Amino acid sequence: MGGETVLDLGCGSGRLTVELARRGARVTGIDTHAGRLGAARERARTAGVDVRLIEADMEAPLPFAAGEFAAVVSRLALMIARDPLATLREAARVVGPGGAVVTALWAPIDRNVWFREPRAAAAAALGPERAGFARPFGRLGDVEELVALHRRAGLDDVRGRVLADDVAAADAPAHWAHLVATNGHFARLDASLSERERVALMDELTRRLAPYRAGAGLRLPRSMAVVSALRRE
């Protein structure tokens, strides 16, 4: 990254922030949640990298000067913004001339079996109110819609693509365990399960994932929309 200054909007627990710092960028990450920023600091400390972490709201005017950063990145944050266009316009403001704005979001839910089917299994086995989490998943995930939004924000040379792969798992319980270990929504749901509910949920998830069996395991489709753009001024 050559020491470029990069702003990570909605950095969460800092996975992208730390990875960029590992590659040589001088990274600032913002988030509204002090707990997530604490996790990001610990991740950076463990990785042995220096990052700047600030409690700030990507949906408010950003506390940075115009053109302060060489690039602005956003991983999954834009889908939860109340006004994604306003957020992108602020990103365009704080990136310097010739700088890049890069956004990555989950594609629509029908292209993300790895997430769709476990949540649907939870709704079927436990009731829809127990599976009412992550409603913004897939919002703005249509790549053409996301490209148009970046153009409306005043950015140029906007390019979009879809990245697709599969999530591999030995079986339905193994995939559920992976979700619980890596996703707070599933971790909280799992902690609330009775033994009877767990059995019913695993039976339903096994049934739903059966069409995705490949050889001895499962291959579950996963897709993201990624858009890059430049500020020309």
Protein backbone atom coordinates (compact mmCIF):
# COMPACT_ATOMS: atom_id res chain seq x y z
CA MET A 1 0.00 0.00 0.00
CA GLY A 2 3.04 2.27 0.09
CA GLY A 3 2.07 4.20 3.23
CA GLU A 4 -1.15 5.69 1.81
CA THR A 5 -3.69 7.08 4.25
CA VAL A 6 -6.87 5.00 4.22
CA LEU A 7 -10.18 5.50 6.03
CA ASP A 8 -12.18 2.37 6.92
CA LEU A 9 -15.84 3.32 7.35
CA GLY A 10 -17.63 1.24 9.97
CA CYS A 11 -14.55 -0.80 10.79
CA GLY A 12 -16.30 -3.09 13.28
CA SER A 13 -13.87 -5.45 14.96
CA GLY A 14 -11.09 -4.27 12.63
CA ARG A 15 -10.53 -7.22 10.29
CA LEU A 16 -10.10 -5.04 7.19
CA THR A 17 -8.42 -2.21 9.09
CA VAL A 18 -5.70 -4.52 10.37
CA GLU A 19 -5.22 -6.26 7.03
CA LEU A 20 -4.67 -2.92 5.30
CA ALA A 21 -2.17 -1.90 7.97
CA ARG A 22 -0.33 -5.19 7.47
CA ARG A 23 0.04 -4.22 3.82
CA GLY A 24 1.66 -0.91 4.70
CA ALA A 25 -1.24 1.56 4.74
CA ARG A 26 -1.71 4.17 7.46
CA VAL A 27 -5.26 3.31 8.41
CA THR A 28 -7.95 5.15 10.36
CA GLY A 29 -10.98 3.10 11.35
CA ILE A 30 -14.24 4.53 12.65
CA ASP A 31 -17.20 2.89 14.35
CA THR A 32 -19.98 4.01 16.68
CA HIS A 33 -19.59 1.03 19.01
CA ALA A 34 -16.92 1.28 21.71
CA GLY A 35 -16.90 -2.48 22.19
CA ARG A 36 -16.16 -3.16 18.54
CA LEU A 37 -13.40 -0.55 18.59
CA GLY A 38 -11.92 -2.31 21.62
CA ALA A 39 -11.92 -5.57 19.69
CA ALA A 40 -10.24 -3.80 16.77
CA ARG A 41 -7.53 -2.44 19.07
CA GLU A 42 -6.88 -5.92 20.41
CA ARG A 43 -6.75 -7.34 16.89
CA ALA A 44 -4.23 -4.67 15.88
CA ARG A 45 -2.14 -5.29 19.00
CA THR A 46 -2.06 -9.02 18.31
CA ALA A 47 -1.06 -8.38 14.71
CA GLY A 48 1.66 -5.93 15.76
CA VAL A 49 0.39 -3.04 13.62
CA ASP A 50 -0.44 0.58 14.41
CA VAL A 51 -3.87 1.88 13.46
CA ARG A 52 -5.89 4.94 14.45
CA LEU A 53 -9.34 4.06 15.78
CA ILE A 54 -11.96 6.73 16.40
CA GLU A 55 -15.50 6.55 17.76
CA ALA A 56 -17.46 8.33 15.03
CA ASP A 57 -20.63 7.90 12.99
CA MET A 58 -20.33 7.29 9.24
CA GLU A 59 -23.87 8.65 8.90
CA ALA A 60 -22.92 12.07 10.30
CA PRO A 61 -20.47 14.58 8.81
CA LEU A 62 -17.11 12.86 9.14
CA PRO A 63 -14.62 14.48 11.55
CA PHE A 64 -11.94 14.79 8.86
CA ALA A 65 -10.75 17.49 6.50
CA ALA A 66 -11.63 17.48 2.83
CA GLY A 67 -9.15 15.36 0.89
CA GLU A 68 -7.50 13.98 4.05
CA PHE A 69 -7.25 10.39 2.78
CA ALA A 70 -5.84 8.71 -0.29
CA ALA A 71 -8.63 6.12 -0.19
CA VAL A 72 -11.84 5.27 1.64
CA VAL A 73 -12.97 1.67 2.04
CA SER A 74 -16.20 0.21 3.31
CA ARG A 75 -16.78 -3.48 3.99
CA LEU A 76 -20.45 -4.35 4.67
CA ALA A 77 -21.07 -0.99 6.39
CA LEU A 78 -23.02 0.77 3.65
CA MET A 79 -25.91 -1.71 3.75
CA ILE A 80 -26.85 -0.54 7.26
CA ALA A 81 -26.63 3.20 6.54
CA ARG A 82 -29.92 5.09 6.78
CA ASP A 83 -28.86 7.29 3.84
CA PRO A 84 -26.19 5.45 1.82
CA LEU A 85 -25.96 8.29 -0.70
CA ALA A 86 -25.11 10.83 2.00
CA THR A 87 -22.52 8.43 3.44
CA LEU A 88 -20.88 8.02 0.02
CA ARG A 89 -20.86 11.77 -0.54
CA GLU A 90 -18.98 12.21 2.73
CA ALA A 91 -16.54 9.51 1.64
CA ALA A 92 -16.01 11.41 -1.60
CA ARG A 93 -15.40 14.62 0.35
CA VAL A 94 -12.64 13.23 2.55
CA VAL A 95 -10.76 11.43 -0.23
CA GLY A 96 -8.22 13.47 -2.15
CA PRO A 97 -8.25 14.14 -5.92
CA GLY A 98 -7.43 10.94 -7.73
CA GLY A 99 -8.23 8.94 -4.61
CA ALA A 100 -10.34 5.80 -4.53
CA VAL A 101 -13.56 4.83 -2.81
CA VAL A 102 -14.07 1.05 -2.59
CA THR A 103 -17.24 -0.59 -1.31
CA ALA A 104 -17.94 -4.28 -0.67
CA LEU A 105 -21.39 -5.59 0.22
CA TRP A 106 -23.09 -8.95 0.34
CA ALA A 107 -24.96 -9.69 -2.86
CA PRO A 108 -28.72 -10.31 -2.55
CA ILE A 109 -29.70 -13.06 -0.14
CA ASP A 110 -30.68 -15.51 -2.88
CA ARG A 111 -27.01 -15.61 -3.93
CA ASN A 112 -25.82 -16.33 -0.40
CA VAL A 113 -27.02 -19.78 0.51
CA TRP A 114 -24.44 -20.02 3.33
CA PHE A 115 -26.43 -17.33 5.22
CA ARG A 116 -29.91 -17.65 3.76
CA GLU A 117 -30.57 -21.27 4.63
CA PRO A 118 -29.41 -21.19 8.29
CA ARG A 119 -31.56 -18.12 8.93
CA ALA A 120 -34.51 -19.73 7.12
CA ALA A 121 -34.02 -22.93 9.13
CA ALA A 122 -34.09 -20.90 12.34
CA ALA A 123 -37.33 -19.23 11.26
CA ALA A 124 -38.94 -22.58 10.42
CA ALA A 125 -37.80 -24.38 13.57
CA LEU A 126 -38.01 -21.56 16.13
CA GLY A 127 -40.44 -19.03 14.68
CA PRO A 128 -39.83 -15.97 12.49
CA GLU A 129 -39.33 -13.60 15.43
CA ARG A 130 -36.25 -15.57 16.54
CA ALA A 131 -34.76 -15.28 13.04
CA GLY A 132 -35.54 -11.63 12.42
CA PHE A 133 -31.90 -10.54 12.55
CA ALA A 134 -29.63 -9.07 9.85
CA ARG A 135 -32.51 -7.61 7.86
CA PRO A 136 -30.20 -5.34 5.82
CA PHE A 137 -28.26 -8.37 4.50
CA GLY A 138 -28.11 -8.02 0.72
CA ARG A 139 -29.30 -4.39 0.68
CA LEU A 140 -27.62 -2.54 -2.21
CA GLY A 141 -26.04 -5.86 -3.16
CA ASP A 142 -27.14 -5.61 -6.78
CA VAL A 143 -23.92 -4.47 -8.45
CA GLU A 144 -25.65 -2.22 -11.01
CA GLU A 145 -27.60 -0.46 -8.25
CA LEU A 146 -24.39 -0.01 -6.26
CA VAL A 147 -22.54 1.41 -9.28
CA ALA A 148 -25.36 3.90 -9.89
CA LEU A 149 -25.25 5.00 -6.24
CA HIS A 150 -21.52 5.76 -6.45
CA ARG A 151 -22.10 7.83 -9.58
CA ARG A 152 -24.86 9.79 -7.86
CA ALA A 153 -22.40 10.55 -5.07
CA GLY A 154 -20.24 12.41 -7.59
CA LEU A 155 -17.60 9.73 -8.13
CA ASP A 156 -16.10 8.84 -11.49
CA ASP A 157 -14.63 5.81 -13.24
CA VAL A 158 -17.05 3.62 -11.30
CA ARG A 159 -16.53 -0.10 -11.81
CA GLY A 160 -18.41 -3.00 -10.28
CA ARG A 161 -18.06 -6.75 -10.19
CA VAL A 162 -19.42 -9.75 -8.33
CA LEU A 163 -17.07 -12.04 -6.42
CA ALA A 164 -18.47 -15.55 -6.00
CA ASP A 165 -17.19 -18.65 -4.26
CA ASP A 166 -18.44 -21.43 -1.98
CA VAL A 167 -18.33 -21.98 1.75
CA ALA A 168 -17.25 -25.56 2.45
CA ALA A 169 -18.56 -27.50 5.44
CA ALA A 170 -18.56 -31.15 6.45
CA ASP A 171 -22.27 -31.09 7.29
CA ALA A 172 -25.06 -28.85 8.61
CA PRO A 173 -23.94 -28.90 12.29
CA ALA A 174 -20.39 -27.99 11.21
CA HIS A 175 -21.65 -25.04 9.18
CA TRP A 176 -23.82 -23.88 12.07
CA ALA A 177 -20.81 -24.08 14.41
CA HIS A 178 -18.79 -21.96 12.00
CA LEU A 179 -21.54 -19.32 11.90
CA VAL A 180 -21.77 -19.28 15.68
CA ALA A 181 -18.00 -18.78 15.95
CA THR A 182 -17.84 -15.96 13.40
CA ASN A 183 -21.18 -14.12 13.44
CA GLY A 184 -22.68 -12.39 16.45
CA HIS A 185 -26.29 -12.88 15.31
CA PHE A 186 -25.92 -16.65 15.17
CA ALA A 187 -23.87 -16.73 18.38
CA ARG A 188 -26.64 -14.97 20.30
CA LEU A 189 -29.31 -17.23 18.84
CA ASP A 190 -27.30 -20.34 19.60
CA ALA A 191 -26.82 -19.29 23.23
CA SER A 192 -30.61 -19.08 23.63
CA LEU A 193 -31.40 -22.59 22.36
CA SER A 194 -32.84 -25.33 24.51
CA GLU A 195 -31.69 -28.86 23.71
CA ARG A 196 -35.04 -29.62 22.08
CA GLU A 197 -34.80 -26.48 19.94
CA ARG A 198 -31.24 -27.33 18.92
CA VAL A 199 -32.28 -30.78 17.69
CA ALA A 200 -35.21 -29.32 15.73
CA LEU A 201 -33.00 -26.63 14.23
CA MET A 202 -30.29 -29.07 13.14
CA ASP A 203 -32.87 -31.37 11.58
CA GLU A 204 -34.33 -28.46 9.60
CA LEU A 205 -30.93 -27.13 8.54
CA THR A 206 -29.77 -30.59 7.44
CA ARG A 207 -32.86 -30.90 5.27
CA ARG A 208 -32.37 -27.47 3.72
CA LEU A 209 -28.68 -27.94 2.97
CA ALA A 210 -29.08 -31.41 1.44
CA PRO A 211 -29.28 -30.04 -2.15
CA TYR A 212 -25.81 -28.51 -1.72
CA ARG A 213 -24.01 -31.73 -0.87
CA ALA A 214 -20.86 -32.24 -2.94
CA GLY A 215 -18.90 -35.41 -2.34
CA ALA A 216 -18.35 -35.94 1.37
CA GLY A 217 -19.34 -32.40 2.37
CA LEU A 218 -21.33 -29.27 1.52
CA ARG A 219 -20.57 -26.44 -0.91
CA LEU A 220 -22.67 -23.38 -0.09
CA PRO A 221 -22.72 -20.48 -2.60
CA ARG A 222 -21.52 -17.04 -1.43
CA SER A 223 -21.34 -13.75 -3.38
CA MET A 224 -20.29 -10.14 -2.78
CA ALA A 225 -20.71 -7.00 -4.86
CA VAL A 226 -17.57 -4.86 -5.04
CA VAL A 227 -17.43 -1.35 -6.50
CA SER A 228 -14.43 0.92 -6.95
CA ALA A 229 -14.57 4.58 -7.96
CA LEU A 230 -12.32 7.65 -8.18
CA ARG A 231 -12.63 11.25 -7.16
CA ARG A 232 -11.51 13.20 -10.22
CA GLU A 233 -11.34 16.82 -8.99
